[in-house]
Amino acid sequence: MKNTIFLLSLLLFMVACEHTHGQKIKKGVNADSLLANYIKYTHNKLIRQNRKNNITEEWFEDGIELKNGINYQVYQIGHDVTDKGGANKRFIADEWVYLDTVKNKVYVYDIFTDVLIEWKK
């Protein structure tokens, strides 16, 4: 029984911290706090307006992307919308952000110039 618990704990640890292209990715370690902080203090007018209108902003991981030699966790931040009567629920992305969880930094993706811009409060 102790061996089973140890093996499960080891497996969970290995899944939580994976190695990609030679750089560590800390999965789930601080991503939630970085994203919540970003949403709270963002300069993005759409997200700020949604918060004022009590629309809940959520996020989901969109994958890991290598840019400039750094592996980033990519997240979509947005909210759910539905048709009348609650039908056809879908997620609307308000912004894509890239997290460098090794350095605890958030980067905003500029889709027009394909550049990551470090976000600062």
PDB file of N, CA and C in Angstrom:
ATOM      1  N   MET A   1       0.825  -1.193   0.000  1.00  0.00           N
ATOM      2  CA  MET A   1       0.000   0.000   0.000  1.00  0.00           C
ATOM      3  C   MET A   1       0.877   1.269   0.000  1.00  0.00           C
ATOM      4  N   LYS A   2       1.923   1.259   0.847  1.00  0.00           N
ATOM      5  CA  LYS A   2       2.819   2.417   0.903  1.00  0.00           C
ATOM      6  C   LYS A   2       3.542   2.595  -0.424  1.00  0.00           C
ATOM      7  N   ASN A   3       3.909   1.483  -1.057  1.00  0.00           N
ATOM      8  CA  ASN A   3       4.577   1.571  -2.356  1.00  0.00           C
ATOM      9  C   ASN A   3       3.657   2.158  -3.408  1.00  0.00           C
ATOM     10  N   THR A   4       2.382   1.806  -3.369  1.00  0.00           N
ATOM     11  CA  THR A   4       1.411   2.333  -4.327  1.00  0.00           C
ATOM     12  C   THR A   4       1.239   3.836  -4.145  1.00  0.00           C
ATOM     13  N   ILE A   5       1.129   4.271  -2.904  1.00  0.00           N
ATOM     14  CA  ILE A   5       0.982   5.707  -2.625  1.00  0.00           C
ATOM     15  C   ILE A   5       2.234   6.458  -3.070  1.00  0.00           C
ATOM     16  N   PHE A   6       3.409   5.873  -2.786  1.00  0.00           N
ATOM     17  CA  PHE A   6       4.651   6.506  -3.202  1.00  0.00           C
ATOM     18  C   PHE A   6       4.727   6.631  -4.720  1.00  0.00           C
ATOM     19  N   LEU A   7       4.366   5.562  -5.427  1.00  0.00           N
ATOM     20  CA  LEU A   7       4.411   5.595  -6.897  1.00  0.00           C
ATOM     21  C   LEU A   7       3.423   6.607  -7.465  1.00  0.00           C
ATOM     22  N   LEU A   8       2.232   6.680  -6.889  1.00  0.00           N
ATOM     23  CA  LEU A   8       1.252   7.668  -7.351  1.00  0.00           C
ATOM     24  C   LEU A   8       1.750   9.085  -7.088  1.00  0.00           C
ATOM     25  N   SER A   9       2.350   9.307  -5.928  1.00  0.00           N
ATOM     26  CA  SER A   9       2.885  10.637  -5.613  1.00  0.00           C
ATOM     27  C   SER A   9       4.005  11.010  -6.576  1.00  0.00           C
ATOM     28  N   LEU A  10       4.877  10.049  -6.860  1.00  0.00           N
ATOM     29  CA  LEU A  10       5.965  10.293  -7.799  1.00  0.00           C
ATOM     30  C   LEU A  10       5.435  10.602  -9.191  1.00  0.00           C
ATOM     31  N   LEU A  11       4.433   9.870  -9.620  1.00  0.00           N
ATOM     32  CA  LEU A  11       3.826  10.112 -10.931  1.00  0.00           C
ATOM     33  C   LEU A  11       3.202  11.500 -11.000  1.00  0.00           C
ATOM     34  N   LEU A  12       2.468  11.897  -9.961  1.00  0.00           N
ATOM     35  CA  LEU A  12       1.869  13.232  -9.931  1.00  0.00           C
ATOM     36  C   LEU A  12       2.934  14.316  -9.975  1.00  0.00           C
ATOM     37  N   PHE A  13       4.036  14.117  -9.257  1.00  0.00           N
ATOM     38  CA  PHE A  13       5.119  15.094  -9.276  1.00  0.00           C
ATOM     39  C   PHE A  13       5.714  15.211 -10.672  1.00  0.00           C
ATOM     40  N   MET A  14       5.908  14.072 -11.331  1.00  0.00           N
ATOM     41  CA  MET A  14       6.493  14.083 -12.674  1.00  0.00           C
ATOM     42  C   MET A  14       5.571  14.768 -13.672  1.00  0.00           C
ATOM     43  N   VAL A  15       4.277  14.576 -13.530  1.00  0.00           N
ATOM     44  CA  VAL A  15       3.318  15.218 -14.437  1.00  0.00           C
ATOM     45  C   VAL A  15       3.278  16.715 -14.180  1.00  0.00           C
ATOM     46  N   ALA A  16       3.397  17.120 -12.918  1.00  0.00           N
ATOM     47  CA  ALA A  16       3.306  18.539 -12.566  1.00  0.00           C
ATOM     48  C   ALA A  16       4.498  19.345 -13.053  1.00  0.00           C
ATOM     49  N   CYS A  17       5.612  18.697 -13.261  1.00  0.00           N
ATOM     50  CA  CYS A  17       6.803  19.425 -13.686  1.00  0.00           C
ATOM     51  C   CYS A  17       7.440  18.663 -14.837  1.00  0.00           C
ATOM     52  N   GLU A  18       7.163  19.081 -16.060  1.00  0.00           N
ATOM     53  CA  GLU A  18       7.707  18.372 -17.215  1.00  0.00           C
ATOM     54  C   GLU A  18       8.855  19.149 -17.819  1.00  0.00           C
ATOM     55  N   HIS A  19       9.655  18.467 -18.594  1.00  0.00           N
ATOM     56  CA  HIS A  19      10.823  19.058 -19.227  1.00  0.00           C
ATOM     57  C   HIS A  19      10.564  19.116 -20.731  1.00  0.00           C
ATOM     58  N   THR A  20      10.636  20.310 -21.331  1.00  0.00           N
ATOM     59  CA  THR A  20      10.371  20.450 -22.753  1.00  0.00           C
ATOM     60  C   THR A  20      11.486  21.265 -23.385  1.00  0.00           C
ATOM     61  N   HIS A  21      12.112  20.736 -24.399  1.00  0.00           N
ATOM     62  CA  HIS A  21      13.176  21.433 -25.122  1.00  0.00           C
ATOM     63  C   HIS A  21      14.250  21.982 -24.187  1.00  0.00           C
ATOM     64  N   GLY A  22      14.569  21.254 -23.124  1.00  0.00           N
ATOM     65  CA  GLY A  22      15.652  21.660 -22.249  1.00  0.00           C
ATOM     66  C   GLY A  22      15.287  22.707 -21.219  1.00  0.00           C
ATOM     67  N   GLN A  23      14.074  23.191 -21.210  1.00  0.00           N
ATOM     68  CA  GLN A  23      13.688  24.196 -20.219  1.00  0.00           C
ATOM     69  C   GLN A  23      12.514  23.682 -19.410  1.00  0.00           C
ATOM     70  N   LYS A  24      12.547  23.915 -18.111  1.00  0.00           N
ATOM     71  CA  LYS A  24      11.474  23.432 -17.255  1.00  0.00           C
ATOM     72  C   LYS A  24      10.205  24.238 -17.470  1.00  0.00           C
ATOM     73  N   ILE A  25       9.100  23.547 -17.352  1.00  0.00           N
ATOM     74  CA  ILE A  25       7.776  24.172 -17.346  1.00  0.00           C
ATOM     75  C   ILE A  25       7.140  23.774 -16.023  1.00  0.00           C
ATOM     76  N   LYS A  26       6.800  24.729 -15.208  1.00  0.00           N
ATOM     77  CA  LYS A  26       6.131  24.437 -13.952  1.00  0.00           C
ATOM     78  C   LYS A  26       4.631  24.489 -14.205  1.00  0.00           C
ATOM     79  N   LYS A  27       4.047  23.323 -14.389  1.00  0.00           N
ATOM     80  CA  LYS A  27       2.616  23.270 -14.700  1.00  0.00           C
ATOM     81  C   LYS A  27       1.794  23.443 -13.432  1.00  0.00           C
ATOM     82  N   GLY A  28       0.887  24.417 -13.457  1.00  0.00           N
ATOM     83  CA  GLY A  28      -0.061  24.587 -12.380  1.00  0.00           C
ATOM     84  C   GLY A  28       0.515  25.138 -11.090  1.00  0.00           C
ATOM     85  N   VAL A  29       1.815  25.353 -11.036  1.00  0.00           N
ATOM     86  CA  VAL A  29       2.430  25.798  -9.797  1.00  0.00           C
ATOM     87  C   VAL A  29       1.964  27.202  -9.449  1.00  0.00           C
ATOM     88  N   ASN A  30       2.115  28.127 -10.373  1.00  0.00           N
ATOM     89  CA  ASN A  30       1.724  29.509 -10.099  1.00  0.00           C
ATOM     90  C   ASN A  30       0.907  30.104 -11.239  1.00  0.00           C
ATOM     91  N   ALA A  31       0.510  29.295 -12.197  1.00  0.00           N
ATOM     92  CA  ALA A  31      -0.229  29.809 -13.348  1.00  0.00           C
ATOM     93  C   ALA A  31      -1.535  30.464 -12.917  1.00  0.00           C
ATOM     94  N   ASP A  32      -2.279  29.816 -12.019  1.00  0.00           N
ATOM     95  CA  ASP A  32      -3.562  30.375 -11.596  1.00  0.00           C
ATOM     96  C   ASP A  32      -3.400  31.739 -10.937  1.00  0.00           C
ATOM     97  N   SER A  33      -2.409  31.881 -10.079  1.00  0.00           N
ATOM     98  CA  SER A  33      -2.224  33.174  -9.407  1.00  0.00           C
ATOM     99  C   SER A  33      -1.742  34.243 -10.382  1.00  0.00           C
ATOM    100  N   LEU A  34      -0.872  33.871 -11.329  1.00  0.00           N
ATOM    101  CA  LEU A  34      -0.428  34.840 -12.333  1.00  0.00           C
ATOM    102  C   LEU A  34      -1.603  35.304 -13.193  1.00  0.00           C
ATOM    103  N   LEU A  35      -2.452  34.375 -13.600  1.00  0.00           N
ATOM    104  CA  LEU A  35      -3.595  34.721 -14.446  1.00  0.00           C
ATOM    105  C   LEU A  35      -4.637  35.535 -13.689  1.00  0.00           C
ATOM    106  N   ALA A  36      -4.928  35.156 -12.457  1.00  0.00           N
ATOM    107  CA  ALA A  36      -5.896  35.913 -11.656  1.00  0.00           C
ATOM    108  C   ALA A  36      -5.395  37.337 -11.425  1.00  0.00           C
ATOM    109  N   ASN A  37      -4.116  37.488 -11.162  1.00  0.00           N
ATOM    110  CA  ASN A  37      -3.520  38.809 -10.964  1.00  0.00           C
ATOM    111  C   ASN A  37      -3.585  39.623 -12.257  1.00  0.00           C
ATOM    112  N   TYR A  38      -3.310  38.963 -13.373  1.00  0.00           N
ATOM    113  CA  TYR A  38      -3.389  39.654 -14.664  1.00  0.00           C
ATOM    114  C   TYR A  38      -4.807  40.173 -14.918  1.00  0.00           C
ATOM    115  N   ILE A  39      -5.800  39.324 -14.708  1.00  0.00           N
ATOM    116  CA  ILE A  39      -7.190  39.722 -14.949  1.00  0.00           C
ATOM    117  C   ILE A  39      -7.585  40.873 -14.029  1.00  0.00           C
ATOM    118  N   LYS A  40      -7.136  40.819 -12.808  1.00  0.00           N
ATOM    119  CA  LYS A  40      -7.491  41.865 -11.837  1.00  0.00           C
ATOM    120  C   LYS A  40      -6.896  43.224 -12.193  1.00  0.00           C
ATOM    121  N   TYR A  41      -5.666  43.226 -12.735  1.00  0.00           N
ATOM    122  CA  TYR A  41      -4.962  44.481 -12.968  1.00  0.00           C
ATOM    123  C   TYR A  41      -4.667  44.769 -14.442  1.00  0.00           C
ATOM    124  N   THR A  42      -5.316  44.085 -15.335  1.00  0.00           N
ATOM    125  CA  THR A  42      -5.019  44.227 -16.759  1.00  0.00           C
ATOM    126  C   THR A  42      -5.304  45.630 -17.294  1.00  0.00           C
ATOM    127  N   HIS A  43      -4.612  45.948 -18.381  1.00  0.00           N
ATOM    128  CA  HIS A  43      -4.882  47.183 -19.107  1.00  0.00           C
ATOM    129  C   HIS A  43      -5.827  46.926 -20.281  1.00  0.00           C
ATOM    130  N   ASN A  44      -6.168  45.653 -20.513  1.00  0.00           N
ATOM    131  CA  ASN A  44      -7.054  45.270 -21.606  1.00  0.00           C
ATOM    132  C   ASN A  44      -8.455  45.830 -21.353  1.00  0.00           C
ATOM    133  N   LYS A  45      -8.896  46.722 -22.235  1.00  0.00           N
ATOM    134  CA  LYS A  45     -10.170  47.413 -22.038  1.00  0.00           C
ATOM    135  C   LYS A  45     -11.364  46.460 -22.058  1.00  0.00           C
ATOM    136  N   LEU A  46     -11.313  45.444 -22.891  1.00  0.00           N
ATOM    137  CA  LEU A  46     -12.421  44.495 -22.985  1.00  0.00           C
ATOM    138  C   LEU A  46     -12.576  43.700 -21.684  1.00  0.00           C
ATOM    139  N   ILE A  47     -11.478  43.215 -21.155  1.00  0.00           N
ATOM    140  CA  ILE A  47     -11.536  42.465 -19.895  1.00  0.00           C
ATOM    141  C   ILE A  47     -11.974  43.370 -18.750  1.00  0.00           C
ATOM    142  N   ARG A  48     -11.472  44.590 -18.730  1.00  0.00           N
ATOM    143  CA  ARG A  48     -11.878  45.533 -17.678  1.00  0.00           C
ATOM    144  C   ARG A  48     -13.367  45.847 -17.752  1.00  0.00           C
ATOM    145  N   GLN A  49     -13.888  46.027 -18.961  1.00  0.00           N
ATOM    146  CA  GLN A  49     -15.315  46.303 -19.126  1.00  0.00           C
ATOM    147  C   GLN A  49     -16.152  45.096 -18.710  1.00  0.00           C
ATOM    148  N   ASN A  50     -15.702  43.904 -19.064  1.00  0.00           N
ATOM    149  CA  ASN A  50     -16.429  42.699 -18.665  1.00  0.00           C
ATOM    150  C   ASN A  50     -16.480  42.568 -17.150  1.00  0.00           C
ATOM    151  N   ARG A  51     -15.383  42.867 -16.485  1.00  0.00           N
ATOM    152  CA  ARG A  51     -15.374  42.804 -15.022  1.00  0.00           C
ATOM    153  C   ARG A  51     -16.341  43.824 -14.429  1.00  0.00           C
ATOM    154  N   LYS A  52     -16.393  45.032 -15.006  1.00  0.00           N
ATOM    155  CA  LYS A  52     -17.336  46.041 -14.522  1.00  0.00           C
ATOM    156  C   LYS A  52     -18.776  45.583 -14.693  1.00  0.00           C
ATOM    157  N   ASN A  53     -19.029  44.814 -15.754  1.00  0.00           N
ATOM    158  CA  ASN A  53     -20.381  44.306 -16.034  1.00  0.00           C
ATOM    159  C   ASN A  53     -20.638  42.955 -15.370  1.00  0.00           C
ATOM    160  N   ASN A  54     -19.783  42.587 -14.428  1.00  0.00           N
ATOM    161  CA  ASN A  54     -19.905  41.326 -13.684  1.00  0.00           C
ATOM    162  C   ASN A  54     -19.898  40.085 -14.575  1.00  0.00           C
ATOM    163  N   ILE A  55     -19.167  40.162 -15.671  1.00  0.00           N
ATOM    164  CA  ILE A  55     -18.966  38.990 -16.524  1.00  0.00           C
ATOM    165  C   ILE A  55     -17.704  38.295 -16.029  1.00  0.00           C
ATOM    166  N   THR A  56     -17.836  37.037 -15.704  1.00  0.00           N
ATOM    167  CA  THR A  56     -16.718  36.285 -15.153  1.00  0.00           C
ATOM    168  C   THR A  56     -15.718  35.937 -16.241  1.00  0.00           C
ATOM    169  N   GLU A  57     -14.500  36.384 -16.050  1.00  0.00           N
ATOM    170  CA  GLU A  57     -13.416  36.041 -16.966  1.00  0.00           C
ATOM    171  C   GLU A  57     -12.784  34.739 -16.483  1.00  0.00           C
ATOM    172  N   GLU A  58     -12.573  33.825 -17.408  1.00  0.00           N
ATOM    173  CA  GLU A  58     -11.976  32.537 -17.105  1.00  0.00           C
ATOM    174  C   GLU A  58     -10.806  32.311 -18.045  1.00  0.00           C
ATOM    175  N   TRP A  59     -10.085  31.235 -17.845  1.00  0.00           N
ATOM    176  CA  TRP A  59      -8.962  30.917 -18.715  1.00  0.00           C
ATOM    177  C   TRP A  59      -8.859  29.421 -18.895  1.00  0.00           C
ATOM    178  N   PHE A  60      -8.233  29.057 -19.988  1.00  0.00           N
ATOM    179  CA  PHE A  60      -7.871  27.658 -20.176  1.00  0.00           C
ATOM    180  C   PHE A  60      -6.565  27.582 -20.943  1.00  0.00           C
ATOM    181  N   GLU A  61      -5.820  26.519 -20.654  1.00  0.00           N
ATOM    182  CA  GLU A  61      -4.519  26.351 -21.284  1.00  0.00           C
ATOM    183  C   GLU A  61      -4.704  25.948 -22.735  1.00  0.00           C
ATOM    184  N   ASP A  62      -3.965  26.627 -23.596  1.00  0.00           N
ATOM    185  CA  ASP A  62      -4.054  26.399 -25.030  1.00  0.00           C
ATOM    186  C   ASP A  62      -2.832  25.646 -25.546  1.00  0.00           C
ATOM    187  N   GLY A  63      -1.918  25.276 -24.637  1.00  0.00           N
ATOM    188  CA  GLY A  63      -0.745  24.511 -25.028  1.00  0.00           C
ATOM    189  C   GLY A  63       0.540  25.159 -24.563  1.00  0.00           C
ATOM    190  N   ILE A  64       1.634  24.591 -25.030  1.00  0.00           N
ATOM    191  CA  ILE A  64       2.964  25.115 -24.728  1.00  0.00           C
ATOM    192  C   ILE A  64       3.611  25.486 -26.053  1.00  0.00           C
ATOM    193  N   GLU A  65       4.198  26.675 -26.093  1.00  0.00           N
ATOM    194  CA  GLU A  65       4.790  27.158 -27.341  1.00  0.00           C
ATOM    195  C   GLU A  65       6.206  27.655 -27.087  1.00  0.00           C
ATOM    196  N   LEU A  66       7.097  27.283 -27.981  1.00  0.00           N
ATOM    197  CA  LEU A  66       8.485  27.742 -27.918  1.00  0.00           C
ATOM    198  C   LEU A  66       8.612  29.023 -28.727  1.00  0.00           C
ATOM    199  N   LYS A  67       9.025  30.096 -28.062  1.00  0.00           N
ATOM    200  CA  LYS A  67       9.261  31.383 -28.724  1.00  0.00           C
ATOM    201  C   LYS A  67      10.540  31.963 -28.144  1.00  0.00           C
ATOM    202  N   ASN A  68      11.430  32.406 -29.002  1.00  0.00           N
ATOM    203  CA  ASN A  68      12.676  33.039 -28.568  1.00  0.00           C
ATOM    204  C   ASN A  68      13.464  32.150 -27.611  1.00  0.00           C
ATOM    205  N   GLY A  69      13.409  30.851 -27.816  1.00  0.00           N
ATOM    206  CA  GLY A  69      14.162  29.916 -26.984  1.00  0.00           C
ATOM    207  C   GLY A  69      13.552  29.645 -25.622  1.00  0.00           C
ATOM    208  N   ILE A  70      12.339  30.128 -25.367  1.00  0.00           N
ATOM    209  CA  ILE A  70      11.675  29.948 -24.075  1.00  0.00           C
ATOM    210  C   ILE A  70      10.363  29.209 -24.311  1.00  0.00           C
ATOM    211  N   ASN A  71      10.090  28.245 -23.450  1.00  0.00           N
ATOM    212  CA  ASN A  71       8.808  27.546 -23.499  1.00  0.00           C
ATOM    213  C   ASN A  71       7.794  28.301 -22.656  1.00  0.00           C
ATOM    214  N   TYR A  72       6.708  28.696 -23.275  1.00  0.00           N
ATOM    215  CA  TYR A  72       5.644  29.425 -22.591  1.00  0.00           C
ATOM    216  C   TYR A  72       4.398  28.567 -22.513  1.00  0.00           C
ATOM    217  N   GLN A  73       3.682  28.693 -21.406  1.00  0.00           N
ATOM    218  CA  GLN A  73       2.341  28.134 -21.328  1.00  0.00           C
ATOM    219  C   GLN A  73       1.411  29.186 -21.924  1.00  0.00           C
ATOM    220  N   VAL A  74       0.613  28.772 -22.889  1.00  0.00           N
ATOM    221  CA  VAL A  74      -0.283  29.697 -23.575  1.00  0.00           C
ATOM    222  C   VAL A  74      -1.688  29.520 -23.008  1.00  0.00           C
ATOM    223  N   TYR A  75      -2.324  30.638 -22.665  1.00  0.00           N
ATOM    224  CA  TYR A  75      -3.673  30.608 -22.112  1.00  0.00           C
ATOM    225  C   TYR A  75      -4.583  31.551 -22.884  1.00  0.00           C
ATOM    226  N   GLN A  76      -5.818  31.130 -23.034  1.00  0.00           N
ATOM    227  CA  GLN A  76      -6.867  32.011 -23.541  1.00  0.00           C
ATOM    228  C   GLN A  76      -7.647  32.519 -22.336  1.00  0.00           C
ATOM    229  N   ILE A  77      -7.831  33.836 -22.280  1.00  0.00           N
ATOM    230  CA  ILE A  77      -8.652  34.447 -21.235  1.00  0.00           C
ATOM    231  C   ILE A  77      -9.919  34.922 -21.918  1.00  0.00           C
ATOM    232  N   GLY A  78     -11.059  34.599 -21.334  1.00  0.00           N
ATOM    233  CA  GLY A  78     -12.314  34.996 -21.950  1.00  0.00           C
ATOM    234  C   GLY A  78     -13.497  34.646 -21.075  1.00  0.00           C
ATOM    235  N   HIS A  79     -14.640  34.517 -21.720  1.00  0.00           N
ATOM    236  CA  HIS A  79     -15.881  34.262 -20.987  1.00  0.00           C
ATOM    237  C   HIS A  79     -16.835  33.446 -21.854  1.00  0.00           C
ATOM    238  N   ASP A  80     -17.825  32.866 -21.196  1.00  0.00           N
ATOM    239  CA  ASP A  80     -18.839  32.082 -21.900  1.00  0.00           C
ATOM    240  C   ASP A  80     -19.999  32.970 -22.316  1.00  0.00           C
ATOM    241  N   VAL A  81     -20.566  32.666 -23.464  1.00  0.00           N
ATOM    242  CA  VAL A  81     -21.795  33.304 -23.925  1.00  0.00           C
ATOM    243  C   VAL A  81     -22.737  32.212 -24.405  1.00  0.00           C
ATOM    244  N   THR A  82     -24.033  32.529 -24.386  1.00  0.00           N
ATOM    245  CA  THR A  82     -25.039  31.592 -24.875  1.00  0.00           C
ATOM    246  C   THR A  82     -26.078  32.344 -25.698  1.00  0.00           C
ATOM    247  N   ASP A  83     -26.814  31.598 -26.471  1.00  0.00           N
ATOM    248  CA  ASP A  83     -27.959  32.160 -27.173  1.00  0.00           C
ATOM    249  C   ASP A  83     -29.098  32.320 -26.177  1.00  0.00           C
ATOM    250  N   LYS A  84     -30.200  32.891 -26.628  1.00  0.00           N
ATOM    251  CA  LYS A  84     -31.362  33.039 -25.758  1.00  0.00           C
ATOM    252  C   LYS A  84     -31.770  31.682 -25.214  1.00  0.00           C
ATOM    253  N   GLY A  85     -32.121  31.661 -23.938  1.00  0.00           N
ATOM    254  CA  GLY A  85     -32.527  30.418 -23.315  1.00  0.00           C
ATOM    255  C   GLY A  85     -31.366  29.550 -22.865  1.00  0.00           C
ATOM    256  N   GLY A  86     -30.149  30.046 -22.987  1.00  0.00           N
ATOM    257  CA  GLY A  86     -28.985  29.304 -22.530  1.00  0.00           C
ATOM    258  C   GLY A  86     -28.463  28.267 -23.511  1.00  0.00           C
ATOM    259  N   ALA A  87     -28.960  28.281 -24.737  1.00  0.00           N
ATOM    260  CA  ALA A  87     -28.523  27.294 -25.734  1.00  0.00           C
ATOM    261  C   ALA A  87     -27.225  27.733 -26.405  1.00  0.00           C
ATOM    262  N   ASN A  88     -26.512  26.780 -26.979  1.00  0.00           N
ATOM    263  CA  ASN A  88     -25.311  27.024 -27.778  1.00  0.00           C
ATOM    264  C   ASN A  88     -24.221  27.745 -26.987  1.00  0.00           C
ATOM    265  N   LYS A  89     -23.886  27.217 -25.823  1.00  0.00           N
ATOM    266  CA  LYS A  89     -22.851  27.809 -24.981  1.00  0.00           C
ATOM    267  C   LYS A  89     -21.497  27.695 -25.677  1.00  0.00           C
ATOM    268  N   ARG A  90     -20.730  28.800 -25.647  1.00  0.00           N
ATOM    269  CA  ARG A  90     -19.408  28.815 -26.264  1.00  0.00           C
ATOM    270  C   ARG A  90     -18.502  29.797 -25.524  1.00  0.00           C
ATOM    271  N   PHE A  91     -17.207  29.566 -25.655  1.00  0.00           N
ATOM    272  CA  PHE A  91     -16.199  30.391 -24.999  1.00  0.00           C
ATOM    273  C   PHE A  91     -15.710  31.442 -25.981  1.00  0.00           C
ATOM    274  N   ILE A  92     -15.692  32.687 -25.548  1.00  0.00           N
ATOM    275  CA  ILE A  92     -15.192  33.797 -26.357  1.00  0.00           C
ATOM    276  C   ILE A  92     -13.871  34.259 -25.756  1.00  0.00           C
ATOM    277  N   ALA A  93     -12.788  34.165 -26.528  1.00  0.00           N
ATOM    278  CA  ALA A  93     -11.475  34.588 -26.046  1.00  0.00           C
ATOM    279  C   ALA A  93     -11.351  36.103 -26.154  1.00  0.00           C
ATOM    280  N   ASP A  94     -10.983  36.731 -25.051  1.00  0.00           N
ATOM    281  CA  ASP A  94     -10.751  38.173 -25.032  1.00  0.00           C
ATOM    282  C   ASP A  94      -9.274  38.503 -25.215  1.00  0.00           C
ATOM    283  N   GLU A  95      -8.415  37.539 -24.866  1.00  0.00           N
ATOM    284  CA  GLU A  95      -6.975  37.781 -25.007  1.00  0.00           C
ATOM    285  C   GLU A  95      -6.220  36.466 -24.834  1.00  0.00           C
ATOM    286  N   TRP A  96      -5.059  36.390 -25.484  1.00  0.00           N
ATOM    287  CA  TRP A  96      -4.133  35.283 -25.292  1.00  0.00           C
ATOM    288  C   TRP A  96      -2.956  35.823 -24.503  1.00  0.00           C
ATOM    289  N   VAL A  97      -2.549  35.074 -23.490  1.00  0.00           N
ATOM    290  CA  VAL A  97      -1.369  35.446 -22.729  1.00  0.00           C
ATOM    291  C   VAL A  97      -0.423  34.257 -22.675  1.00  0.00           C
ATOM    292  N   TYR A  98       0.853  34.574 -22.538  1.00  0.00           N
ATOM    293  CA  TYR A  98       1.907  33.566 -22.451  1.00  0.00           C
ATOM    294  C   TYR A  98       2.540  33.691 -21.079  1.00  0.00           C
ATOM    295  N   LEU A  99       2.688  32.571 -20.387  1.00  0.00           N
ATOM    296  CA  LEU A  99       3.285  32.575 -19.059  1.00  0.00           C
ATOM    297  C   LEU A  99       4.665  31.939 -19.092  1.00  0.00           C
ATOM    298  N   ASP A 100       5.605  32.630 -18.490  1.00  0.00           N
ATOM    299  CA  ASP A 100       6.913  32.058 -18.219  1.00  0.00           C
ATOM    300  C   ASP A 100       6.887  31.749 -16.730  1.00  0.00           C
ATOM    301  N   THR A 101       6.525  30.496 -16.392  1.00  0.00           N
ATOM    302  CA  THR A 101       6.363  30.141 -14.986  1.00  0.00           C
ATOM    303  C   THR A 101       7.695  29.956 -14.282  1.00  0.00           C
ATOM    304  N   VAL A 102       8.777  29.852 -15.031  1.00  0.00           N
ATOM    305  CA  VAL A 102      10.097  29.757 -14.414  1.00  0.00           C
ATOM    306  C   VAL A 102      10.482  31.123 -13.844  1.00  0.00           C
ATOM    307  N   LYS A 103      10.190  32.190 -14.596  1.00  0.00           N
ATOM    308  CA  LYS A 103      10.519  33.549 -14.159  1.00  0.00           C
ATOM    309  C   LYS A 103       9.321  34.289 -13.561  1.00  0.00           C
ATOM    310  N   ASN A 104       8.158  33.624 -13.490  1.00  0.00           N
ATOM    311  CA  ASN A 104       6.926  34.225 -12.954  1.00  0.00           C
ATOM    312  C   ASN A 104       6.541  35.508 -13.686  1.00  0.00           C
ATOM    313  N   LYS A 105       6.528  35.437 -15.020  1.00  0.00           N
ATOM    314  CA  LYS A 105       6.182  36.603 -15.821  1.00  0.00           C
ATOM    315  C   LYS A 105       5.032  36.285 -16.764  1.00  0.00           C
ATOM    316  N   VAL A 106       4.233  37.312 -17.034  1.00  0.00           N
ATOM    317  CA  VAL A 106       3.114  37.226 -17.959  1.00  0.00           C
ATOM    318  C   VAL A 106       3.438  38.068 -19.180  1.00  0.00           C
ATOM    319  N   TYR A 107       3.162  37.520 -20.344  1.00  0.00           N
ATOM    320  CA  TYR A 107       3.383  38.239 -21.598  1.00  0.00           C
ATOM    321  C   TYR A 107       2.070  38.280 -22.371  1.00  0.00           C
ATOM    322  N   VAL A 108       1.769  39.429 -22.927  1.00  0.00           N
ATOM    323  CA  VAL A 108       0.583  39.613 -23.750  1.00  0.00           C
ATOM    324  C   VAL A 108       0.991  39.386 -25.201  1.00  0.00           C
ATOM    325  N   TYR A 109       0.175  38.641 -25.913  1.00  0.00           N
ATOM    326  CA  TYR A 109       0.480  38.350 -27.310  1.00  0.00           C
ATOM    327  C   TYR A 109      -0.144  39.402 -28.203  1.00  0.00           C
ATOM    328  N   ASP A 110       0.691  40.090 -28.977  1.00  0.00           N
ATOM    329  CA  ASP A 110       0.212  41.054 -29.970  1.00  0.00           C
ATOM    330  C   ASP A 110       0.059  40.307 -31.285  1.00  0.00           C
ATOM    331  N   ILE A 111      -1.177  40.022 -31.635  1.00  0.00           N
ATOM    332  CA  ILE A 111      -1.463  39.191 -32.804  1.00  0.00           C
ATOM    333  C   ILE A 111      -1.035  39.857 -34.109  1.00  0.00           C
ATOM    334  N   PHE A 112      -1.035  41.165 -34.170  1.00  0.00           N
ATOM    335  CA  PHE A 112      -0.710  41.865 -35.415  1.00  0.00           C
ATOM    336  C   PHE A 112       0.785  41.849 -35.728  1.00  0.00           C
ATOM    337  N   THR A 113       1.613  41.915 -34.678  1.00  0.00           N
ATOM    338  CA  THR A 113       3.053  41.937 -34.900  1.00  0.00           C
ATOM    339  C   THR A 113       3.727  40.610 -34.528  1.00  0.00           C
ATOM    340  N   ASP A 114       2.941  39.656 -34.008  1.00  0.00           N
ATOM    341  CA  ASP A 114       3.453  38.356 -33.579  1.00  0.00           C
ATOM    342  C   ASP A 114       4.582  38.525 -32.586  1.00  0.00           C
ATOM    343  N   VAL A 115       4.367  39.417 -31.598  1.00  0.00           N
ATOM    344  CA  VAL A 115       5.375  39.746 -30.590  1.00  0.00           C
ATOM    345  C   VAL A 115       4.763  39.547 -29.206  1.00  0.00           C
ATOM    346  N   LEU A 116       5.583  39.077 -28.280  1.00  0.00           N
ATOM    347  CA  LEU A 116       5.175  38.997 -26.890  1.00  0.00           C
ATOM    348  C   LEU A 116       5.648  40.243 -26.162  1.00  0.00           C
ATOM    349  N   ILE A 117       4.732  40.853 -25.419  1.00  0.00           N
ATOM    350  CA  ILE A 117       5.041  42.071 -24.672  1.00  0.00           C
ATOM    351  C   ILE A 117       4.894  41.757 -23.186  1.00  0.00           C
ATOM    352  N   GLU A 118       5.967  41.972 -22.431  1.00  0.00           N
ATOM    353  CA  GLU A 118       5.898  41.679 -20.996  1.00  0.00           C
ATOM    354  C   GLU A 118       4.862  42.588 -20.344  1.00  0.00           C
ATOM    355  N   TRP A 119       3.967  41.967 -19.568  1.00  0.00           N
ATOM    356  CA  TRP A 119       2.938  42.712 -18.870  1.00  0.00           C
ATOM    357  C   TRP A 119       3.472  43.152 -17.522  1.00  0.00           C
ATOM    358  N   LYS A 120       3.225  44.416 -17.215  1.00  0.00           N
ATOM    359  CA  LYS A 120       3.595  44.957 -15.908  1.00  0.00           C
ATOM    360  C   LYS A 120       2.374  45.634 -15.329  1.00  0.00           C
ATOM    361  N   LYS A 121       2.175  45.439 -14.058  1.00  0.00           N
ATOM    362  CA  LYS A 121       1.027  46.035 -13.355  1.00  0.00           C
ATOM    363  C   LYS A 121       0.978  47.524 -13.505  1.00  0.00           C
TER     364      LYS A 121
END
